[in-house]
Protein backbone atom coordinates (compact mmCIF):
# COMPACT_ATOMS: atom_id res chain seq x y z
CA UNK A 1 0.00 0.00 0.00
CA UNK A 2 1.13 3.52 -0.66
CA UNK A 3 1.20 6.18 2.03
CA UNK A 4 -1.85 7.86 0.52
CA UNK A 5 -3.85 4.62 0.63
CA UNK A 6 -2.82 4.02 4.23
CA UNK A 7 -3.78 7.58 5.20
CA UNK A 8 -7.18 7.34 3.51
CA UNK A 9 -7.82 3.97 5.13
CA UNK A 10 -6.97 5.38 8.55
CA UNK A 11 -8.96 8.57 8.10
CA UNK A 12 -12.08 6.60 7.16
CA UNK A 13 -11.70 4.01 9.92
CA UNK A 14 -14.76 4.25 12.22
CA UNK A 15 -12.96 2.32 14.99
CA UNK A 16 -10.20 4.95 15.14
CA UNK A 17 -12.75 7.77 15.22
CA UNK A 18 -14.69 6.04 18.00
CA UNK A 19 -11.50 5.63 20.02
CA UNK A 20 -10.72 9.34 19.63
CA UNK A 21 -14.23 10.36 20.73
CA UNK A 22 -13.90 8.06 23.76
CA UNK A 23 -10.46 9.53 24.47
CA UNK A 24 -11.84 13.07 24.53
CA UNK A 25 -14.80 12.03 26.70
CA UNK A 26 -12.47 10.31 29.16
CA UNK A 27 -10.10 13.29 29.20
CA UNK A 28 -12.99 15.62 30.00
CA UNK A 29 -14.15 13.42 32.87
CA UNK A 30 -10.69 13.11 34.44
CA UNK A 31 -9.15 16.49 33.64
CA UNK A 32 -9.39 17.66 37.26
CA UNK A 33 -6.97 14.92 38.31
CA UNK A 34 -4.80 14.23 35.26
CA UNK A 35 -4.99 17.47 33.29
CA UNK A 36 -5.53 17.66 29.56
CA UNK A 37 -2.25 17.43 27.69
CA UNK A 38 -0.74 14.22 29.08
CA UNK A 39 -3.88 12.07 28.61
CA UNK A 40 -4.34 13.39 25.06
CA UNK A 41 -0.72 12.64 24.11
CA UNK A 42 -0.85 9.18 25.68
CA UNK A 43 -4.17 8.44 24.00
CA UNK A 44 -2.90 9.71 20.65
CA UNK A 45 0.06 7.34 20.80
CA UNK A 46 -2.13 4.46 22.02
CA UNK A 47 -4.70 4.84 19.24
CA UNK A 48 -1.99 5.22 16.58
CA UNK A 49 -0.25 2.04 17.78
CA UNK A 50 -3.11 -0.29 18.75
CA UNK A 51 -4.64 -0.70 15.30
CA UNK A 52 -1.41 -1.62 13.43
CA UNK A 53 -0.44 -3.96 16.28
CA UNK A 54 -3.73 -5.85 16.30
CA UNK A 55 -5.84 -5.47 13.18
CA UNK A 56 -3.82 -4.40 10.13
CA UNK A 57 -0.51 -6.20 10.61
CA UNK A 58 0.00 -7.29 7.00
CA UNK A 59 -0.93 -4.10 5.14
CA UNK A 60 2.36 -2.24 5.61
CA UNK A 61 5.31 -2.13 8.01
CA UNK A 62 4.38 -1.17 11.58
CA UNK A 63 6.39 2.05 11.68
CA UNK A 64 4.82 3.28 8.45
CA UNK A 65 1.32 2.60 9.76
CA UNK A 66 2.20 4.10 13.13
CA UNK A 67 3.61 7.32 11.65
CA UNK A 68 0.69 7.84 9.30
CA UNK A 69 -1.64 6.80 12.13
CA UNK A 70 -0.26 9.58 14.31
CA UNK A 71 -1.18 12.10 11.63
CA UNK A 72 -4.63 10.60 11.05
CA UNK A 73 -5.39 10.38 14.77
CA UNK A 74 -4.14 13.92 15.34
CA UNK A 75 -6.49 15.10 12.59
CA UNK A 76 -9.42 13.25 14.15
CA UNK A 77 -8.51 14.65 17.57
CA UNK A 78 -8.39 18.21 16.22
CA UNK A 79 -11.81 17.85 14.60
CA UNK A 80 -13.40 16.32 17.72
CA UNK A 81 -11.96 19.05 19.97
CA UNK A 82 -13.09 21.74 17.51
CA UNK A 83 -16.62 20.33 17.46
CA UNK A 84 -16.63 20.26 21.26
CA UNK A 85 -15.48 23.90 21.35
CA UNK A 86 -18.17 25.01 18.89
CA UNK A 87 -20.91 23.18 20.78
CA UNK A 88 -19.82 24.66 24.11
CA UNK A 89 -19.72 28.16 22.58
CA UNK A 90 -23.17 27.65 21.10
CA UNK A 91 -24.61 26.44 24.41
CA UNK A 92 -23.09 29.27 26.45
PDB file of N, CA and C in Angstrom:
ATOM      1  N   UNK A   1       0.842  -1.187   0.000  1.00  0.00           N
ATOM      2  CA  UNK A   1       0.000   0.000   0.000  1.00  0.00           C
ATOM      3  C   UNK A   1       0.881   1.242   0.000  1.00  0.00           C
ATOM      4  N   UNK A   2       0.408   2.259  -0.676  1.00  0.00           N
ATOM      5  CA  UNK A   2       1.129   3.524  -0.660  1.00  0.00           C
ATOM      6  C   UNK A   2       0.740   4.313   0.593  1.00  0.00           C
ATOM      7  N   UNK A   3       1.499   5.357   0.856  1.00  0.00           N
ATOM      8  CA  UNK A   3       1.199   6.177   2.030  1.00  0.00           C
ATOM      9  C   UNK A   3      -0.172   6.829   1.922  1.00  0.00           C
ATOM     10  N   UNK A   4      -0.544   7.235   0.719  1.00  0.00           N
ATOM     11  CA  UNK A   4      -1.849   7.858   0.523  1.00  0.00           C
ATOM     12  C   UNK A   4      -2.978   6.868   0.811  1.00  0.00           C
ATOM     13  N   UNK A   5      -2.834   5.638   0.360  1.00  0.00           N
ATOM     14  CA  UNK A   5      -3.851   4.621   0.627  1.00  0.00           C
ATOM     15  C   UNK A   5      -3.958   4.318   2.119  1.00  0.00           C
ATOM     16  N   UNK A   6      -2.811   4.268   2.783  1.00  0.00           N
ATOM     17  CA  UNK A   6      -2.819   4.020   4.231  1.00  0.00           C
ATOM     18  C   UNK A   6      -3.502   5.176   4.958  1.00  0.00           C
ATOM     19  N   UNK A   7      -3.182   6.414   4.562  1.00  0.00           N
ATOM     20  CA  UNK A   7      -3.781   7.582   5.202  1.00  0.00           C
ATOM     21  C   UNK A   7      -5.288   7.609   4.990  1.00  0.00           C
ATOM     22  N   UNK A   8      -5.743   7.343   3.782  1.00  0.00           N
ATOM     23  CA  UNK A   8      -7.180   7.340   3.510  1.00  0.00           C
ATOM     24  C   UNK A   8      -7.870   6.231   4.295  1.00  0.00           C
ATOM     25  N   UNK A   9      -7.242   5.069   4.365  1.00  0.00           N
ATOM     26  CA  UNK A   9      -7.824   3.966   5.131  1.00  0.00           C
ATOM     27  C   UNK A   9      -7.935   4.333   6.605  1.00  0.00           C
ATOM     28  N   UNK A  10      -6.937   5.015   7.137  1.00  0.00           N
ATOM     29  CA  UNK A  10      -6.966   5.375   8.555  1.00  0.00           C
ATOM     30  C   UNK A  10      -7.916   6.524   8.833  1.00  0.00           C
ATOM     31  N   UNK A  11      -8.036   7.456   7.902  1.00  0.00           N
ATOM     32  CA  UNK A  11      -8.961   8.567   8.101  1.00  0.00           C
ATOM     33  C   UNK A  11     -10.420   8.120   8.034  1.00  0.00           C
ATOM     34  N   UNK A  12     -10.695   7.073   7.292  1.00  0.00           N
ATOM     35  CA  UNK A  12     -12.075   6.598   7.160  1.00  0.00           C
ATOM     36  C   UNK A  12     -12.389   5.426   8.087  1.00  0.00           C
ATOM     37  N   UNK A  13     -11.507   5.116   9.003  1.00  0.00           N
ATOM     38  CA  UNK A  13     -11.705   4.005   9.922  1.00  0.00           C
ATOM     39  C   UNK A  13     -12.639   4.425  11.066  1.00  0.00           C
ATOM     40  N   UNK A  14     -13.831   3.851  11.148  1.00  0.00           N
ATOM     41  CA  UNK A  14     -14.755   4.250  12.219  1.00  0.00           C
ATOM     42  C   UNK A  14     -14.269   3.831  13.611  1.00  0.00           C
ATOM     43  N   UNK A  15     -13.499   2.755  13.700  1.00  0.00           N
ATOM     44  CA  UNK A  15     -12.965   2.322  14.990  1.00  0.00           C
ATOM     45  C   UNK A  15     -12.010   3.374  15.557  1.00  0.00           C
ATOM     46  N   UNK A  16     -11.144   3.914  14.706  1.00  0.00           N
ATOM     47  CA  UNK A  16     -10.200   4.949  15.137  1.00  0.00           C
ATOM     48  C   UNK A  16     -10.952   6.194  15.594  1.00  0.00           C
ATOM     49  N   UNK A  17     -11.967   6.596  14.844  1.00  0.00           N
ATOM     50  CA  UNK A  17     -12.750   7.767  15.220  1.00  0.00           C
ATOM     51  C   UNK A  17     -13.479   7.538  16.544  1.00  0.00           C
ATOM     52  N   UNK A  18     -14.023   6.357  16.726  1.00  0.00           N
ATOM     53  CA  UNK A  18     -14.686   6.039  17.995  1.00  0.00           C
ATOM     54  C   UNK A  18     -13.728   6.077  19.171  1.00  0.00           C
ATOM     55  N   UNK A  19     -12.502   5.576  18.955  1.00  0.00           N
ATOM     56  CA  UNK A  19     -11.496   5.633  20.022  1.00  0.00           C
ATOM     57  C   UNK A  19     -11.130   7.069  20.370  1.00  0.00           C
ATOM     58  N   UNK A  20     -11.063   7.935  19.373  1.00  0.00           N
ATOM     59  CA  UNK A  20     -10.719   9.337  19.625  1.00  0.00           C
ATOM     60  C   UNK A  20     -11.851  10.036  20.380  1.00  0.00           C
ATOM     61  N   UNK A  21     -13.092   9.768  20.004  1.00  0.00           N
ATOM     62  CA  UNK A  21     -14.229  10.359  20.732  1.00  0.00           C
ATOM     63  C   UNK A  21     -14.228   9.871  22.183  1.00  0.00           C
ATOM     64  N   UNK A  22     -13.979   8.592  22.393  1.00  0.00           N
ATOM     65  CA  UNK A  22     -13.905   8.058  23.756  1.00  0.00           C
ATOM     66  C   UNK A  22     -12.735   8.667  24.523  1.00  0.00           C
ATOM     67  N   UNK A  23     -11.620   8.897  23.840  1.00  0.00           N
ATOM     68  CA  UNK A  23     -10.464   9.528  24.474  1.00  0.00           C
ATOM     69  C   UNK A  23     -10.803  10.928  24.964  1.00  0.00           C
ATOM     70  N   UNK A  24     -11.474  11.707  24.133  1.00  0.00           N
ATOM     71  CA  UNK A  24     -11.839  13.070  24.528  1.00  0.00           C
ATOM     72  C   UNK A  24     -12.852  13.035  25.674  1.00  0.00           C
ATOM     73  N   UNK A  25     -13.818  12.133  25.614  1.00  0.00           N
ATOM     74  CA  UNK A  25     -14.799  12.026  26.697  1.00  0.00           C
ATOM     75  C   UNK A  25     -14.123  11.647  28.016  1.00  0.00           C
ATOM     76  N   UNK A  26     -13.192  10.714  27.953  1.00  0.00           N
ATOM     77  CA  UNK A  26     -12.466  10.308  29.157  1.00  0.00           C
ATOM     78  C   UNK A  26     -11.594  11.442  29.682  1.00  0.00           C
ATOM     79  N   UNK A  27     -10.936  12.163  28.785  1.00  0.00           N
ATOM     80  CA  UNK A  27     -10.097  13.292  29.200  1.00  0.00           C
ATOM     81  C   UNK A  27     -10.936  14.352  29.909  1.00  0.00           C
ATOM     82  N   UNK A  28     -12.131  14.607  29.384  1.00  0.00           N
ATOM     83  CA  UNK A  28     -12.988  15.622  29.999  1.00  0.00           C
ATOM     84  C   UNK A  28     -13.456  15.201  31.388  1.00  0.00           C
ATOM     85  N   UNK A  29     -13.701  13.908  31.563  1.00  0.00           N
ATOM     86  CA  UNK A  29     -14.154  13.420  32.873  1.00  0.00           C
ATOM     87  C   UNK A  29     -13.042  13.418  33.913  1.00  0.00           C
ATOM     88  N   UNK A  30     -11.797  13.247  33.487  1.00  0.00           N
ATOM     89  CA  UNK A  30     -10.686  13.110  34.438  1.00  0.00           C
ATOM     90  C   UNK A  30      -9.732  14.301  34.418  1.00  0.00           C
ATOM     91  N   UNK A  31     -10.092  15.388  33.763  1.00  0.00           N
ATOM     92  CA  UNK A  31      -9.147  16.493  33.635  1.00  0.00           C
ATOM     93  C   UNK A  31      -8.820  17.182  34.958  1.00  0.00           C
ATOM     94  N   UNK A  32      -9.680  17.076  35.953  1.00  0.00           N
ATOM     95  CA  UNK A  32      -9.386  17.665  37.256  1.00  0.00           C
ATOM     96  C   UNK A  32      -8.199  16.983  37.924  1.00  0.00           C
ATOM     97  N   UNK A  33      -8.027  15.696  37.672  1.00  0.00           N
ATOM     98  CA  UNK A  33      -6.967  14.917  38.308  1.00  0.00           C
ATOM     99  C   UNK A  33      -5.733  14.827  37.415  1.00  0.00           C
ATOM    100  N   UNK A  34      -5.935  14.515  36.147  1.00  0.00           N
ATOM    101  CA  UNK A  34      -4.802  14.225  35.263  1.00  0.00           C
ATOM    102  C   UNK A  34      -4.429  15.364  34.328  1.00  0.00           C
ATOM    103  N   UNK A  35      -5.254  16.382  34.234  1.00  0.00           N
ATOM    104  CA  UNK A  35      -4.993  17.465  33.295  1.00  0.00           C
ATOM    105  C   UNK A  35      -5.495  17.106  31.906  1.00  0.00           C
ATOM    106  N   UNK A  36      -5.065  17.883  30.923  1.00  0.00           N
ATOM    107  CA  UNK A  36      -5.533  17.664  29.557  1.00  0.00           C
ATOM    108  C   UNK A  36      -4.448  17.136  28.637  1.00  0.00           C
ATOM    109  N   UNK A  37      -3.283  17.692  28.703  1.00  0.00           N
ATOM    110  CA  UNK A  37      -2.254  17.430  27.694  1.00  0.00           C
ATOM    111  C   UNK A  37      -1.725  16.001  27.777  1.00  0.00           C
ATOM    112  N   UNK A  38      -1.326  15.554  28.937  1.00  0.00           N
ATOM    113  CA  UNK A  38      -0.743  14.222  29.077  1.00  0.00           C
ATOM    114  C   UNK A  38      -1.708  13.103  28.655  1.00  0.00           C
ATOM    115  N   UNK A  39      -2.974  13.122  29.082  1.00  0.00           N
ATOM    116  CA  UNK A  39      -3.879  12.072  28.606  1.00  0.00           C
ATOM    117  C   UNK A  39      -4.105  12.109  27.091  1.00  0.00           C
ATOM    118  N   UNK A  40      -4.153  13.304  26.508  1.00  0.00           N
ATOM    119  CA  UNK A  40      -4.343  13.388  25.056  1.00  0.00           C
ATOM    120  C   UNK A  40      -3.127  12.858  24.299  1.00  0.00           C
ATOM    121  N   UNK A  41      -1.934  13.156  24.773  1.00  0.00           N
ATOM    122  CA  UNK A  41      -0.722  12.644  24.115  1.00  0.00           C
ATOM    123  C   UNK A  41      -0.637  11.129  24.261  1.00  0.00           C
ATOM    124  N   UNK A  42      -0.893  10.628  25.463  1.00  0.00           N
ATOM    125  CA  UNK A  42      -0.848   9.181  25.685  1.00  0.00           C
ATOM    126  C   UNK A  42      -1.911   8.473  24.855  1.00  0.00           C
ATOM    127  N   UNK A  43      -3.104   9.026  24.795  1.00  0.00           N
ATOM    128  CA  UNK A  43      -4.174   8.441  24.000  1.00  0.00           C
ATOM    129  C   UNK A  43      -3.885   8.488  22.518  1.00  0.00           C
ATOM    130  N   UNK A  44      -3.283   9.569  22.058  1.00  0.00           N
ATOM    131  CA  UNK A  44      -2.902   9.707  20.655  1.00  0.00           C
ATOM    132  C   UNK A  44      -1.922   8.610  20.256  1.00  0.00           C
ATOM    133  N   UNK A  45      -0.924   8.390  21.077  1.00  0.00           N
ATOM    134  CA  UNK A  45       0.061   7.338  20.804  1.00  0.00           C
ATOM    135  C   UNK A  45      -0.591   5.960  20.887  1.00  0.00           C
ATOM    136  N   UNK A  46      -1.458   5.751  21.863  1.00  0.00           N
ATOM    137  CA  UNK A  46      -2.130   4.461  22.021  1.00  0.00           C
ATOM    138  C   UNK A  46      -2.990   4.136  20.804  1.00  0.00           C
ATOM    139  N   UNK A  47      -3.810   5.080  20.370  1.00  0.00           N
ATOM    140  CA  UNK A  47      -4.697   4.835  19.236  1.00  0.00           C
ATOM    141  C   UNK A  47      -3.889   4.617  17.960  1.00  0.00           C
ATOM    142  N   UNK A  48      -2.815   5.379  17.783  1.00  0.00           N
ATOM    143  CA  UNK A  48      -1.990   5.218  16.583  1.00  0.00           C
ATOM    144  C   UNK A  48      -1.277   3.876  16.564  1.00  0.00           C
ATOM    145  N   UNK A  49      -0.997   3.297  17.724  1.00  0.00           N
ATOM    146  CA  UNK A  49      -0.253   2.039  17.780  1.00  0.00           C
ATOM    147  C   UNK A  49      -1.148   0.808  17.860  1.00  0.00           C
ATOM    148  N   UNK A  50      -2.310   0.912  18.480  1.00  0.00           N
ATOM    149  CA  UNK A  50      -3.107  -0.288  18.753  1.00  0.00           C
ATOM    150  C   UNK A  50      -3.655  -0.919  17.483  1.00  0.00           C
ATOM    151  N   UNK A  51      -4.055  -0.137  16.520  1.00  0.00           N
ATOM    152  CA  UNK A  51      -4.643  -0.704  15.300  1.00  0.00           C
ATOM    153  C   UNK A  51      -3.598  -1.432  14.461  1.00  0.00           C
ATOM    154  N   UNK A  52      -2.411  -0.851  14.195  1.00  0.00           N
ATOM    155  CA  UNK A  52      -1.409  -1.622  13.434  1.00  0.00           C
ATOM    156  C   UNK A  52      -0.897  -2.849  14.186  1.00  0.00           C
ATOM    157  N   UNK A  53      -0.914  -2.810  15.507  1.00  0.00           N
ATOM    158  CA  UNK A  53      -0.438  -3.956  16.280  1.00  0.00           C
ATOM    159  C   UNK A  53      -1.444  -5.103  16.308  1.00  0.00           C
ATOM    160  N   UNK A  54      -2.724  -4.810  16.141  1.00  0.00           N
ATOM    161  CA  UNK A  54      -3.730  -5.848  16.304  1.00  0.00           C
ATOM    162  C   UNK A  54      -4.496  -6.195  15.034  1.00  0.00           C
ATOM    163  N   UNK A  55      -4.912  -5.215  14.273  1.00  0.00           N
ATOM    164  CA  UNK A  55      -5.841  -5.473  13.180  1.00  0.00           C
ATOM    165  C   UNK A  55      -5.160  -5.527  11.814  1.00  0.00           C
ATOM    166  N   UNK A  56      -4.344  -4.553  11.494  1.00  0.00           N
ATOM    167  CA  UNK A  56      -3.823  -4.397  10.129  1.00  0.00           C
ATOM    168  C   UNK A  56      -2.340  -4.725  10.050  1.00  0.00           C
ATOM    169  N   UNK A  57      -1.933  -5.843  10.567  1.00  0.00           N
ATOM    170  CA  UNK A  57      -0.513  -6.197  10.611  1.00  0.00           C
ATOM    171  C   UNK A  57       0.118  -6.350   9.230  1.00  0.00           C
ATOM    172  N   UNK A  58      -0.601  -6.917   8.279  1.00  0.00           N
ATOM    173  CA  UNK A  58      -0.003  -7.292   6.999  1.00  0.00           C
ATOM    174  C   UNK A  58      -0.115  -6.227   5.913  1.00  0.00           C
ATOM    175  N   UNK A  59      -0.743  -5.102   6.182  1.00  0.00           N
ATOM    176  CA  UNK A  59      -0.932  -4.097   5.141  1.00  0.00           C
ATOM    177  C   UNK A  59       0.342  -3.344   4.798  1.00  0.00           C
ATOM    178  N   UNK A  60       1.125  -3.006   5.796  1.00  0.00           N
ATOM    179  CA  UNK A  60       2.356  -2.243   5.607  1.00  0.00           C
ATOM    180  C   UNK A  60       3.204  -2.438   6.856  1.00  0.00           C
ATOM    181  N   UNK A  61       4.477  -2.033   6.804  1.00  0.00           N
ATOM    182  CA  UNK A  61       5.306  -2.131   8.011  1.00  0.00           C
ATOM    183  C   UNK A  61       4.708  -1.325   9.174  1.00  0.00           C
ATOM    184  N   UNK A  62       4.962  -1.806  10.391  1.00  0.00           N
ATOM    185  CA  UNK A  62       4.379  -1.173  11.581  1.00  0.00           C
ATOM    186  C   UNK A  62       4.722   0.302  11.666  1.00  0.00           C
ATOM    187  N   UNK A  63       5.984   0.656  11.490  1.00  0.00           N
ATOM    188  CA  UNK A  63       6.390   2.052  11.681  1.00  0.00           C
ATOM    189  C   UNK A  63       5.755   2.979  10.657  1.00  0.00           C
ATOM    190  N   UNK A  64       5.512   2.470   9.460  1.00  0.00           N
ATOM    191  CA  UNK A  64       4.817   3.275   8.452  1.00  0.00           C
ATOM    192  C   UNK A  64       3.378   3.517   8.888  1.00  0.00           C
ATOM    193  N   UNK A  65       2.707   2.457   9.295  1.00  0.00           N
ATOM    194  CA  UNK A  65       1.323   2.597   9.755  1.00  0.00           C
ATOM    195  C   UNK A  65       1.233   3.464  11.008  1.00  0.00           C
ATOM    196  N   UNK A  66       2.197   3.317  11.890  1.00  0.00           N
ATOM    197  CA  UNK A  66       2.197   4.101  13.130  1.00  0.00           C
ATOM    198  C   UNK A  66       2.394   5.588  12.835  1.00  0.00           C
ATOM    199  N   UNK A  67       3.349   5.907  11.975  1.00  0.00           N
ATOM    200  CA  UNK A  67       3.610   7.318  11.646  1.00  0.00           C
ATOM    201  C   UNK A  67       2.432   7.978  10.967  1.00  0.00           C
ATOM    202  N   UNK A  68       1.866   7.298   9.986  1.00  0.00           N
ATOM    203  CA  UNK A  68       0.692   7.840   9.302  1.00  0.00           C
ATOM    204  C   UNK A  68      -0.496   7.853  10.260  1.00  0.00           C
ATOM    205  N   UNK A  69      -0.570   6.854  11.139  1.00  0.00           N
ATOM    206  CA  UNK A  69      -1.642   6.804  12.131  1.00  0.00           C
ATOM    207  C   UNK A  69      -1.585   7.960  13.112  1.00  0.00           C
ATOM    208  N   UNK A  70      -0.379   8.394  13.461  1.00  0.00           N
ATOM    209  CA  UNK A  70      -0.260   9.583  14.315  1.00  0.00           C
ATOM    210  C   UNK A  70      -0.887  10.794  13.650  1.00  0.00           C
ATOM    211  N   UNK A  71      -0.611  10.967  12.360  1.00  0.00           N
ATOM    212  CA  UNK A  71      -1.183  12.101  11.631  1.00  0.00           C
ATOM    213  C   UNK A  71      -2.699  11.989  11.519  1.00  0.00           C
ATOM    214  N   UNK A  72      -3.187  10.801  11.188  1.00  0.00           N
ATOM    215  CA  UNK A  72      -4.634  10.604  11.054  1.00  0.00           C
ATOM    216  C   UNK A  72      -5.339  10.800  12.392  1.00  0.00           C
ATOM    217  N   UNK A  73      -4.775  10.255  13.446  1.00  0.00           N
ATOM    218  CA  UNK A  73      -5.387  10.380  14.767  1.00  0.00           C
ATOM    219  C   UNK A  73      -5.331  11.819  15.258  1.00  0.00           C
ATOM    220  N   UNK A  74      -4.236  12.504  14.972  1.00  0.00           N
ATOM    221  CA  UNK A  74      -4.141  13.918  15.337  1.00  0.00           C
ATOM    222  C   UNK A  74      -5.197  14.738  14.603  1.00  0.00           C
ATOM    223  N   UNK A  75      -5.438  14.418  13.344  1.00  0.00           N
ATOM    224  CA  UNK A  75      -6.493  15.101  12.590  1.00  0.00           C
ATOM    225  C   UNK A  75      -7.866  14.841  13.183  1.00  0.00           C
ATOM    226  N   UNK A  76      -8.145  13.576  13.514  1.00  0.00           N
ATOM    227  CA  UNK A  76      -9.421  13.255  14.154  1.00  0.00           C
ATOM    228  C   UNK A  76      -9.558  13.979  15.491  1.00  0.00           C
ATOM    229  N   UNK A  77      -8.483  14.000  16.257  1.00  0.00           N
ATOM    230  CA  UNK A  77      -8.510  14.655  17.568  1.00  0.00           C
ATOM    231  C   UNK A  77      -8.783  16.149  17.428  1.00  0.00           C
ATOM    232  N   UNK A  78      -8.167  16.779  16.451  1.00  0.00           N
ATOM    233  CA  UNK A  78      -8.388  18.213  16.224  1.00  0.00           C
ATOM    234  C   UNK A  78      -9.842  18.484  15.849  1.00  0.00           C
ATOM    235  N   UNK A  79     -10.416  17.652  15.008  1.00  0.00           N
ATOM    236  CA  UNK A  79     -11.807  17.846  14.599  1.00  0.00           C
ATOM    237  C   UNK A  79     -12.750  17.633  15.775  1.00  0.00           C
ATOM    238  N   UNK A  80     -12.528  16.601  16.561  1.00  0.00           N
ATOM    239  CA  UNK A  80     -13.401  16.323  17.715  1.00  0.00           C
ATOM    240  C   UNK A  80     -13.305  17.456  18.738  1.00  0.00           C
ATOM    241  N   UNK A  81     -12.103  17.943  19.013  1.00  0.00           N
ATOM    242  CA  UNK A  81     -11.956  19.047  19.969  1.00  0.00           C
ATOM    243  C   UNK A  81     -12.568  20.340  19.419  1.00  0.00           C
ATOM    244  N   UNK A  82     -12.471  20.565  18.107  1.00  0.00           N
ATOM    245  CA  UNK A  82     -13.086  21.742  17.507  1.00  0.00           C
ATOM    246  C   UNK A  82     -14.607  21.667  17.593  1.00  0.00           C
ATOM    247  N   UNK A  83     -15.168  20.494  17.335  1.00  0.00           N
ATOM    248  CA  UNK A  83     -16.620  20.330  17.457  1.00  0.00           C
ATOM    249  C   UNK A  83     -17.062  20.565  18.890  1.00  0.00           C
ATOM    250  N   UNK A  84     -16.304  20.044  19.847  1.00  0.00           N
ATOM    251  CA  UNK A  84     -16.628  20.257  21.257  1.00  0.00           C
ATOM    252  C   UNK A  84     -16.608  21.752  21.600  1.00  0.00           C
ATOM    253  N   UNK A  85     -15.599  22.459  21.089  1.00  0.00           N
ATOM    254  CA  UNK A  85     -15.480  23.895  21.349  1.00  0.00           C
ATOM    255  C   UNK A  85     -16.662  24.662  20.761  1.00  0.00           C
ATOM    256  N   UNK A  86     -17.044  24.338  19.542  1.00  0.00           N
ATOM    257  CA  UNK A  86     -18.170  25.011  18.889  1.00  0.00           C
ATOM    258  C   UNK A  86     -19.465  24.743  19.637  1.00  0.00           C
ATOM    259  N   UNK A  87     -19.679  23.507  20.051  1.00  0.00           N
ATOM    260  CA  UNK A  87     -20.906  23.176  20.781  1.00  0.00           C
ATOM    261  C   UNK A  87     -20.952  23.902  22.113  1.00  0.00           C
ATOM    262  N   UNK A  88     -19.836  23.950  22.826  1.00  0.00           N
ATOM    263  CA  UNK A  88     -19.818  24.661  24.110  1.00  0.00           C
ATOM    264  C   UNK A  88     -20.036  26.162  23.931  1.00  0.00           C
ATOM    265  N   UNK A  89     -19.490  26.731  22.857  1.00  0.00           N
ATOM    266  CA  UNK A  89     -19.720  28.155  22.581  1.00  0.00           C
ATOM    267  C   UNK A  89     -21.186  28.419  22.258  1.00  0.00           C
ATOM    268  N   UNK A  90     -21.787  27.499  21.513  1.00  0.00           N
ATOM    269  CA  UNK A  90     -23.170  27.647  21.095  1.00  0.00           C
ATOM    270  C   UNK A  90     -24.103  27.527  22.302  1.00  0.00           C
ATOM    271  N   UNK A  91     -23.762  26.635  23.246  1.00  0.00           N
ATOM    272  CA  UNK A  91     -24.611  26.438  24.414  1.00  0.00           C
ATOM    273  C   UNK A  91     -24.465  27.551  25.441  1.00  0.00           C
ATOM    274  N   UNK A  92     -23.341  28.237  25.427  1.00  0.00           N
ATOM    275  CA  UNK A  92     -23.093  29.270  26.448  1.00  0.00           C
ATOM    276  C   UNK A  92     -23.724  30.590  26.118  1.00  0.00           C
TER     277      UNK A  92
END
